[in-house]
PDB file of N, CA and C in Angstrom:
ATOM      1  N   MET A   1       9.875  -5.526  16.710  1.00  0.00           N
ATOM      2  CA  MET A   1       9.517  -6.260  15.517  1.00  0.00           C
ATOM      3  C   MET A   1       8.920  -5.304  14.503  1.00  0.00           C
ATOM      4  N   PHE A   2       9.236  -5.518  13.259  1.00  0.00           N
ATOM      5  CA  PHE A   2       8.848  -4.657  12.158  1.00  0.00           C
ATOM      6  C   PHE A   2       7.917  -5.433  11.234  1.00  0.00           C
ATOM      7  N   ILE A   3       6.841  -4.812  10.785  1.00  0.00           N
ATOM      8  CA  ILE A   3       5.938  -5.454   9.831  1.00  0.00           C
ATOM      9  C   ILE A   3       5.996  -4.687   8.522  1.00  0.00           C
ATOM     10  N   LEU A   4       6.126  -5.419   7.438  1.00  0.00           N
ATOM     11  CA  LEU A   4       6.107  -4.830   6.105  1.00  0.00           C
ATOM     12  C   LEU A   4       4.931  -5.414   5.351  1.00  0.00           C
ATOM     13  N   SER A   5       4.081  -4.550   4.862  1.00  0.00           N
ATOM     14  CA  SER A   5       2.944  -4.975   4.053  1.00  0.00           C
ATOM     15  C   SER A   5       3.157  -4.441   2.651  1.00  0.00           C
ATOM     16  N   GLY A   6       3.364  -5.330   1.715  1.00  0.00           N
ATOM     17  CA  GLY A   6       3.643  -4.912   0.357  1.00  0.00           C
ATOM     18  C   GLY A   6       2.476  -5.125  -0.577  1.00  0.00           C
ATOM     19  N   ARG A   7       2.489  -4.370  -1.627  1.00  0.00           N
ATOM     20  CA  ARG A   7       1.502  -4.475  -2.702  1.00  0.00           C
ATOM     21  C   ARG A   7       0.077  -4.192  -2.264  1.00  0.00           C
ATOM     22  N   VAL A   8      -0.091  -3.317  -1.307  1.00  0.00           N
ATOM     23  CA  VAL A   8      -1.437  -2.906  -0.931  1.00  0.00           C
ATOM     24  C   VAL A   8      -2.036  -2.183  -2.133  1.00  0.00           C
ATOM     25  N   GLY A   9      -3.213  -2.553  -2.510  1.00  0.00           N
ATOM     26  CA  GLY A   9      -3.855  -1.977  -3.675  1.00  0.00           C
ATOM     27  C   GLY A   9      -3.672  -2.806  -4.923  1.00  0.00           C
ATOM     28  N   TYR A  10      -2.829  -3.823  -4.846  1.00  0.00           N
ATOM     29  CA  TYR A  10      -2.573  -4.679  -5.998  1.00  0.00           C
ATOM     30  C   TYR A  10      -3.674  -5.709  -6.178  1.00  0.00           C
ATOM     31  N   LEU A  11      -4.143  -6.273  -5.088  1.00  0.00           N
ATOM     32  CA  LEU A  11      -5.216  -7.267  -5.123  1.00  0.00           C
ATOM     33  C   LEU A  11      -6.398  -6.778  -4.300  1.00  0.00           C
ATOM     34  N   ASP A  12      -7.591  -7.086  -4.772  1.00  0.00           N
ATOM     35  CA  ASP A  12      -8.785  -6.747  -4.003  1.00  0.00           C
ATOM     36  C   ASP A  12      -8.900  -7.695  -2.815  1.00  0.00           C
ATOM     37  N   LEU A  13      -9.260  -7.146  -1.676  1.00  0.00           N
ATOM     38  CA  LEU A  13      -9.461  -7.955  -0.478  1.00  0.00           C
ATOM     39  C   LEU A  13     -10.951  -8.114  -0.216  1.00  0.00           C
ATOM     40  N   ASP A  14     -11.345  -9.315   0.188  1.00  0.00           N
ATOM     41  CA  ASP A  14     -12.721  -9.467   0.614  1.00  0.00           C
ATOM     42  C   ASP A  14     -12.877  -8.796   1.974  1.00  0.00           C
ATOM     43  N   LYS A  15     -14.098  -8.710   2.446  1.00  0.00           N
ATOM     44  CA  LYS A  15     -14.357  -7.997   3.694  1.00  0.00           C
ATOM     45  C   LYS A  15     -13.579  -8.592   4.863  1.00  0.00           C
ATOM     46  N   THR A  16     -13.517  -9.916   4.931  1.00  0.00           N
ATOM     47  CA  THR A  16     -12.799 -10.572   6.025  1.00  0.00           C
ATOM     48  C   THR A  16     -11.314 -10.240   5.979  1.00  0.00           C
ATOM     49  N   GLY A  17     -10.717 -10.301   4.796  1.00  0.00           N
ATOM     50  CA  GLY A  17      -9.299  -9.967   4.645  1.00  0.00           C
ATOM     51  C   GLY A  17      -9.012  -8.533   5.029  1.00  0.00           C
ATOM     52  N   ALA A  18      -9.879  -7.624   4.602  1.00  0.00           N
ATOM     53  CA  ALA A  18      -9.703  -6.208   4.936  1.00  0.00           C
ATOM     54  C   ALA A  18      -9.839  -5.986   6.440  1.00  0.00           C
ATOM     55  N   GLU A  19     -10.785  -6.666   7.063  1.00  0.00           N
ATOM     56  CA  GLU A  19     -10.966  -6.529   8.514  1.00  0.00           C
ATOM     57  C   GLU A  19      -9.752  -7.067   9.276  1.00  0.00           C
ATOM     58  N   LEU A  20      -9.201  -8.176   8.818  1.00  0.00           N
ATOM     59  CA  LEU A  20      -8.012  -8.731   9.470  1.00  0.00           C
ATOM     60  C   LEU A  20      -6.818  -7.789   9.338  1.00  0.00           C
ATOM     61  N   LEU A  21      -6.621  -7.224   8.151  1.00  0.00           N
ATOM     62  CA  LEU A  21      -5.528  -6.272   7.962  1.00  0.00           C
ATOM     63  C   LEU A  21      -5.735  -5.041   8.835  1.00  0.00           C
ATOM     64  N   PHE A  22      -6.970  -4.574   8.937  1.00  0.00           N
ATOM     65  CA  PHE A  22      -7.282  -3.450   9.819  1.00  0.00           C
ATOM     66  C   PHE A  22      -6.919  -3.779  11.265  1.00  0.00           C
ATOM     67  N   GLN A  23      -7.227  -4.992  11.706  1.00  0.00           N
ATOM     68  CA  GLN A  23      -6.888  -5.389  13.074  1.00  0.00           C
ATOM     69  C   GLN A  23      -5.381  -5.383  13.290  1.00  0.00           C
ATOM     70  N   VAL A  24      -4.625  -5.863  12.319  1.00  0.00           N
ATOM     71  CA  VAL A  24      -3.163  -5.848  12.435  1.00  0.00           C
ATOM     72  C   VAL A  24      -2.665  -4.412  12.557  1.00  0.00           C
ATOM     73  N   PHE A  25      -3.139  -3.534  11.680  1.00  0.00           N
ATOM     74  CA  PHE A  25      -2.708  -2.140  11.727  1.00  0.00           C
ATOM     75  C   PHE A  25      -3.105  -1.487  13.049  1.00  0.00           C
ATOM     76  N   THR A  26      -4.302  -1.793  13.538  1.00  0.00           N
ATOM     77  CA  THR A  26      -4.775  -1.205  14.789  1.00  0.00           C
ATOM     78  C   THR A  26      -3.926  -1.674  15.971  1.00  0.00           C
ATOM     79  N   GLU A  27      -3.603  -2.964  16.005  1.00  0.00           N
ATOM     80  CA  GLU A  27      -2.775  -3.506  17.085  1.00  0.00           C
ATOM     81  C   GLU A  27      -1.376  -2.890  17.088  1.00  0.00           C
ATOM     82  N   ARG A  28      -0.858  -2.594  15.908  1.00  0.00           N
ATOM     83  CA  ARG A  28       0.508  -2.078  15.788  1.00  0.00           C
ATOM     84  C   ARG A  28       0.585  -0.564  15.959  1.00  0.00           C
ATOM     85  N   GLU A  29      -0.533   0.111  15.783  1.00  0.00           N
ATOM     86  CA  GLU A  29      -0.560   1.571  15.787  1.00  0.00           C
ATOM     87  C   GLU A  29       0.126   2.143  17.038  1.00  0.00           C
ATOM     88  N   GLU A  30       1.058   3.008  16.818  1.00  0.00           N
ATOM     89  CA  GLU A  30       1.790   3.733  17.860  1.00  0.00           C
ATOM     90  C   GLU A  30       2.635   2.839  18.763  1.00  0.00           C
ATOM     91  N   ARG A  31       2.786   1.574  18.441  1.00  0.00           N
ATOM     92  CA  ARG A  31       3.611   0.696  19.271  1.00  0.00           C
ATOM     93  C   ARG A  31       4.847   0.213  18.527  1.00  0.00           C
ATOM     94  N   ARG A  32       4.686  -0.132  17.283  1.00  0.00           N
ATOM     95  CA  ARG A  32       5.766  -0.691  16.484  1.00  0.00           C
ATOM     96  C   ARG A  32       5.679  -0.153  15.067  1.00  0.00           C
ATOM     97  N   ALA A  33       6.730  -0.365  14.328  1.00  0.00           N
ATOM     98  CA  ALA A  33       6.798   0.140  12.958  1.00  0.00           C
ATOM     99  C   ALA A  33       6.025  -0.749  11.987  1.00  0.00           C
ATOM    100  N   ILE A  34       5.402  -0.085  11.036  1.00  0.00           N
ATOM    101  CA  ILE A  34       4.754  -0.757   9.921  1.00  0.00           C
ATOM    102  C   ILE A  34       5.193  -0.028   8.658  1.00  0.00           C
ATOM    103  N   ALA A  35       5.597  -0.774   7.666  1.00  0.00           N
ATOM    104  CA  ALA A  35       5.901  -0.188   6.360  1.00  0.00           C
ATOM    105  C   ALA A  35       4.897  -0.736   5.363  1.00  0.00           C
ATOM    106  N   VAL A  36       4.339   0.137   4.571  1.00  0.00           N
ATOM    107  CA  VAL A  36       3.343  -0.258   3.585  1.00  0.00           C
ATOM    108  C   VAL A  36       3.823   0.213   2.221  1.00  0.00           C
ATOM    109  N   ALA A  37       3.855  -0.697   1.273  1.00  0.00           N
ATOM    110  CA  ALA A  37       4.220  -0.359  -0.099  1.00  0.00           C
ATOM    111  C   ALA A  37       2.995  -0.556  -0.987  1.00  0.00           C
ATOM    112  N   SER A  38       2.745   0.424  -1.834  1.00  0.00           N
ATOM    113  CA  SER A  38       1.589   0.339  -2.717  1.00  0.00           C
ATOM    114  C   SER A  38       1.875   1.071  -4.012  1.00  0.00           C
ATOM    115  N   ASN A  39       1.407   0.514  -5.106  1.00  0.00           N
ATOM    116  CA  ASN A  39       1.473   1.206  -6.388  1.00  0.00           C
ATOM    117  C   ASN A  39       0.303   2.162  -6.555  1.00  0.00           C
ATOM    118  N   ALA A  40      -0.680   2.038  -5.690  1.00  0.00           N
ATOM    119  CA  ALA A  40      -1.890   2.847  -5.795  1.00  0.00           C
ATOM    120  C   ALA A  40      -1.859   3.993  -4.784  1.00  0.00           C
ATOM    121  N   PRO A  41      -2.255   5.192  -5.221  1.00  0.00           N
ATOM    122  CA  PRO A  41      -2.379   6.288  -4.251  1.00  0.00           C
ATOM    123  C   PRO A  41      -3.543   5.998  -3.296  1.00  0.00           C
ATOM    124  N   PHE A  42      -3.554   6.680  -2.177  1.00  0.00           N
ATOM    125  CA  PHE A  42      -4.606   6.442  -1.184  1.00  0.00           C
ATOM    126  C   PHE A  42      -5.998   6.612  -1.787  1.00  0.00           C
ATOM    127  N   SER A  43      -6.136   7.510  -2.743  1.00  0.00           N
ATOM    128  CA  SER A  43      -7.451   7.751  -3.355  1.00  0.00           C
ATOM    129  C   SER A  43      -7.981   6.521  -4.094  1.00  0.00           C
ATOM    130  N   GLU A  44      -7.114   5.579  -4.446  1.00  0.00           N
ATOM    131  CA  GLU A  44      -7.537   4.365  -5.144  1.00  0.00           C
ATOM    132  C   GLU A  44      -7.682   3.154  -4.221  1.00  0.00           C
ATOM    133  N   TRP A  45      -7.378   3.320  -2.949  1.00  0.00           N
ATOM    134  CA  TRP A  45      -7.472   2.184  -2.029  1.00  0.00           C
ATOM    135  C   TRP A  45      -8.898   1.700  -1.865  1.00  0.00           C
ATOM    136  N   LYS A  46      -9.875   2.547  -2.180  1.00  0.00           N
ATOM    137  CA  LYS A  46     -11.271   2.124  -2.053  1.00  0.00           C
ATOM    138  C   LYS A  46     -11.605   0.989  -3.010  1.00  0.00           C
ATOM    139  N   GLN A  47     -10.765   0.766  -4.021  1.00  0.00           N
ATOM    140  CA  GLN A  47     -10.968  -0.369  -4.918  1.00  0.00           C
ATOM    141  C   GLN A  47     -10.491  -1.666  -4.261  1.00  0.00           C
ATOM    142  N   THR A  48      -9.502  -1.565  -3.391  1.00  0.00           N
ATOM    143  CA  THR A  48      -9.003  -2.731  -2.667  1.00  0.00           C
ATOM    144  C   THR A  48      -9.847  -3.005  -1.429  1.00  0.00           C
ATOM    145  N   PHE A  49     -10.118  -1.949  -0.677  1.00  0.00           N
ATOM    146  CA  PHE A  49     -10.940  -2.046   0.537  1.00  0.00           C
ATOM    147  C   PHE A  49     -12.308  -1.478   0.189  1.00  0.00           C
ATOM    148  N   THR A  50     -13.206  -2.333  -0.271  1.00  0.00           N
ATOM    149  CA  THR A  50     -14.448  -1.861  -0.881  1.00  0.00           C
ATOM    150  C   THR A  50     -15.469  -1.300   0.111  1.00  0.00           C
ATOM    151  N   GLU A  51     -15.309  -1.566   1.373  1.00  0.00           N
ATOM    152  CA  GLU A  51     -16.186  -0.987   2.399  1.00  0.00           C
ATOM    153  C   GLU A  51     -15.645   0.414   2.700  1.00  0.00           C
ATOM    154  N   PRO A  52     -16.370   1.486   2.360  1.00  0.00           N
ATOM    155  CA  PRO A  52     -15.847   2.845   2.488  1.00  0.00           C
ATOM    156  C   PRO A  52     -15.365   3.226   3.890  1.00  0.00           C
ATOM    157  N   ARG A  53     -16.127   2.869   4.926  1.00  0.00           N
ATOM    158  CA  ARG A  53     -15.714   3.230   6.291  1.00  0.00           C
ATOM    159  C   ARG A  53     -14.455   2.483   6.705  1.00  0.00           C
ATOM    160  N   LEU A  54     -14.369   1.210   6.327  1.00  0.00           N
ATOM    161  CA  LEU A  54     -13.190   0.415   6.649  1.00  0.00           C
ATOM    162  C   LEU A  54     -11.974   0.955   5.899  1.00  0.00           C
ATOM    163  N   CYS A  55     -12.160   1.325   4.651  1.00  0.00           N
ATOM    164  CA  CYS A  55     -11.062   1.905   3.864  1.00  0.00           C
ATOM    165  C   CYS A  55     -10.562   3.192   4.517  1.00  0.00           C
ATOM    166  N   ALA A  56     -11.473   4.053   4.899  1.00  0.00           N
ATOM    167  CA  ALA A  56     -11.087   5.315   5.549  1.00  0.00           C
ATOM    168  C   ALA A  56     -10.343   5.050   6.855  1.00  0.00           C
ATOM    169  N   ALA A  57     -10.797   4.050   7.619  1.00  0.00           N
ATOM    170  CA  ALA A  57     -10.143   3.726   8.885  1.00  0.00           C
ATOM    171  C   ALA A  57      -8.735   3.172   8.658  1.00  0.00           C
ATOM    172  N   ILE A  58      -8.568   2.343   7.628  1.00  0.00           N
ATOM    173  CA  ILE A  58      -7.246   1.793   7.326  1.00  0.00           C
ATOM    174  C   ILE A  58      -6.295   2.902   6.892  1.00  0.00           C
ATOM    175  N   VAL A  59      -6.746   3.769   5.997  1.00  0.00           N
ATOM    176  CA  VAL A  59      -5.901   4.898   5.563  1.00  0.00           C
ATOM    177  C   VAL A  59      -5.554   5.779   6.757  1.00  0.00           C
ATOM    178  N   ASP A  60      -6.514   5.991   7.644  1.00  0.00           N
ATOM    179  CA  ASP A  60      -6.269   6.787   8.849  1.00  0.00           C
ATOM    180  C   ASP A  60      -5.175   6.161   9.713  1.00  0.00           C
ATOM    181  N   ARG A  61      -5.243   4.849   9.925  1.00  0.00           N
ATOM    182  CA  ARG A  61      -4.244   4.156  10.744  1.00  0.00           C
ATOM    183  C   ARG A  61      -2.860   4.199  10.096  1.00  0.00           C
ATOM    184  N   VAL A  62      -2.828   3.988   8.785  1.00  0.00           N
ATOM    185  CA  VAL A  62      -1.553   3.928   8.075  1.00  0.00           C
ATOM    186  C   VAL A  62      -0.877   5.303   7.994  1.00  0.00           C
ATOM    187  N   THR A  63      -1.658   6.354   7.893  1.00  0.00           N
ATOM    188  CA  THR A  63      -1.075   7.689   7.688  1.00  0.00           C
ATOM    189  C   THR A  63      -0.843   8.475   8.973  1.00  0.00           C
ATOM    190  N   PHE A  64      -1.424   8.062  10.079  1.00  0.00           N
ATOM    191  CA  PHE A  64      -1.274   8.805  11.330  1.00  0.00           C
ATOM    192  C   PHE A  64       0.190   8.768  11.789  1.00  0.00           C
ATOM    193  N   ASN A  65       0.787   9.926  11.976  1.00  0.00           N
ATOM    194  CA  ASN A  65       2.195  10.069  12.376  1.00  0.00           C
ATOM    195  C   ASN A  65       3.141   9.308  11.441  1.00  0.00           C
ATOM    196  N   ALA A  66       2.781   9.243  10.176  1.00  0.00           N
ATOM    197  CA  ALA A  66       3.557   8.462   9.214  1.00  0.00           C
ATOM    198  C   ALA A  66       4.578   9.319   8.476  1.00  0.00           C
ATOM    199  N   HIS A  67       5.566   8.660   7.944  1.00  0.00           N
ATOM    200  CA  HIS A  67       6.499   9.251   6.990  1.00  0.00           C
ATOM    201  C   HIS A  67       6.107   8.680   5.638  1.00  0.00           C
ATOM    202  N   ILE A  68       5.495   9.507   4.820  1.00  0.00           N
ATOM    203  CA  ILE A  68       5.006   9.047   3.526  1.00  0.00           C
ATOM    204  C   ILE A  68       6.028   9.415   2.459  1.00  0.00           C
ATOM    205  N   VAL A  69       6.453   8.413   1.712  1.00  0.00           N
ATOM    206  CA  VAL A  69       7.425   8.608   0.637  1.00  0.00           C
ATOM    207  C   VAL A  69       6.741   8.248  -0.671  1.00  0.00           C
ATOM    208  N   GLU A  70       6.558   9.233  -1.513  1.00  0.00           N
ATOM    209  CA  GLU A  70       5.973   8.985  -2.820  1.00  0.00           C
ATOM    210  C   GLU A  70       7.100   8.902  -3.841  1.00  0.00           C
ATOM    211  N   THR A  71       7.131   7.803  -4.558  1.00  0.00           N
ATOM    212  CA  THR A  71       8.203   7.605  -5.527  1.00  0.00           C
ATOM    213  C   THR A  71       7.744   7.864  -6.954  1.00  0.00           C
ATOM    214  N   GLY A  72       6.503   8.219  -7.136  1.00  0.00           N
ATOM    215  CA  GLY A  72       5.981   8.473  -8.469  1.00  0.00           C
ATOM    216  C   GLY A  72       5.184   7.299  -8.976  1.00  0.00           C
ATOM    217  N   THR A  73       4.644   7.458 -10.152  1.00  0.00           N
ATOM    218  CA  THR A  73       3.796   6.416 -10.718  1.00  0.00           C
ATOM    219  C   THR A  73       4.481   5.657 -11.840  1.00  0.00           C
ATOM    220  N   ASP A  74       5.666   6.061 -12.227  1.00  0.00           N
ATOM    221  CA  ASP A  74       6.378   5.375 -13.291  1.00  0.00           C
ATOM    222  C   ASP A  74       6.949   4.052 -12.781  1.00  0.00           C
ATOM    223  N   SER A  75       6.835   3.032 -13.596  1.00  0.00           N
ATOM    224  CA  SER A  75       7.329   1.716 -13.238  1.00  0.00           C
ATOM    225  C   SER A  75       8.833   1.632 -13.482  1.00  0.00           C
ATOM    226  N   PHE A  76       9.575   1.319 -12.435  1.00  0.00           N
ATOM    227  CA  PHE A  76      11.021   1.148 -12.560  1.00  0.00           C
ATOM    228  C   PHE A  76      11.332  -0.020 -13.486  1.00  0.00           C
ATOM    229  N   ARG A  77      10.607  -1.113 -13.338  1.00  0.00           N
ATOM    230  CA  ARG A  77      10.856  -2.295 -14.172  1.00  0.00           C
ATOM    231  C   ARG A  77      10.604  -2.004 -15.649  1.00  0.00           C
ATOM    232  N   LEU A  78       9.517  -1.296 -15.947  1.00  0.00           N
ATOM    233  CA  LEU A  78       9.217  -0.945 -17.332  1.00  0.00           C
ATOM    234  C   LEU A  78      10.301  -0.036 -17.904  1.00  0.00           C
ATOM    235  N   ALA A  79      10.723   0.943 -17.131  1.00  0.00           N
ATOM    236  CA  ALA A  79      11.777   1.849 -17.595  1.00  0.00           C
ATOM    237  C   ALA A  79      13.078   1.093 -17.860  1.00  0.00           C
ATOM    238  N   GLN A  80      13.437   0.159 -16.994  1.00  0.00           N
ATOM    239  CA  GLN A  80      14.650  -0.633 -17.189  1.00  0.00           C
ATOM    240  C   GLN A  80      14.554  -1.507 -18.444  1.00  0.00           C
ATOM    241  N   THR A  81      13.396  -2.119 -18.650  1.00  0.00           N
ATOM    242  CA  THR A  81      13.192  -2.949 -19.837  1.00  0.00           C
ATOM    243  C   THR A  81      13.309  -2.119 -21.104  1.00  0.00           C
ATOM    244  N   GLN A  82      12.694  -0.956 -21.108  1.00  0.00           N
ATOM    245  CA  GLN A  82      12.768  -0.085 -22.279  1.00  0.00           C
ATOM    246  C   GLN A  82      14.197   0.395 -22.519  1.00  0.00           C
ATOM    247  N   GLU A  83      14.910   0.724 -21.471  1.00  0.00           N
ATOM    248  CA  GLU A  83      16.306   1.159 -21.606  1.00  0.00           C
ATOM    249  C   GLU A  83      17.169   0.024 -22.140  1.00  0.00           C
ATOM    250  N   ASN A  84      16.989  -1.175 -21.643  1.00  0.00           N
ATOM    251  CA  ASN A  84      17.744  -2.337 -22.127  1.00  0.00           C
ATOM    252  C   ASN A  84      17.467  -2.596 -23.604  1.00  0.00           C
ATOM    253  N   ARG A  85      16.234  -2.447 -24.030  1.00  0.00           N
ATOM    254  CA  ARG A  85      15.890  -2.641 -25.440  1.00  0.00           C
ATOM    255  C   ARG A  85      16.536  -1.565 -26.312  1.00  0.00           C
ATOM    256  N   ARG A  86      16.548  -0.342 -25.840  1.00  0.00           N
ATOM    257  CA  ARG A  86      17.195   0.753 -26.602  1.00  0.00           C
ATOM    258  C   ARG A  86      18.684   0.498 -26.770  1.00  0.00           C
ATOM    259  N   ARG A  87      19.301  -0.028 -25.733  1.00  0.00           N
ATOM    260  CA  ARG A  87      20.752  -0.308 -25.786  1.00  0.00           C
ATOM    261  C   ARG A  87      21.069  -1.413 -26.777  1.00  0.00           C
ATOM    262  N   ARG A  88      20.162  -2.377 -26.933  1.00  0.00           N
ATOM    263  CA  ARG A  88      20.390  -3.503 -27.849  1.00  0.00           C
ATOM    264  C   ARG A  88      20.251  -3.117 -29.307  1.00  0.00           C
ATOM    265  N   THR A  89      19.492  -2.079 -29.583  1.00  0.00           N
ATOM    266  CA  THR A  89      19.265  -1.700 -30.979  1.00  0.00           C
ATOM    267  C   THR A  89      20.169  -0.599 -31.454  1.00  0.00           C
TER     268      THR A  89
END
């Protein structure tokens, strides 16, 4: 079974939500695949996971033996919208 967690860093999590997500990541660690999508770099996750130790533990779980793919910070949707507008004019 595969778990996909999207938009990490998009919404702030309360302590309970962050702890539950940490438990999911901990249970899955080294047993099954987890994919995490985020618009925020790891350095900004402390805004989502406001407890510093919990944030560090979550980043540790997510990055351990991970394949990290950085796609950049440019918005694909914004670029497409701007390109479509240029084509119309």
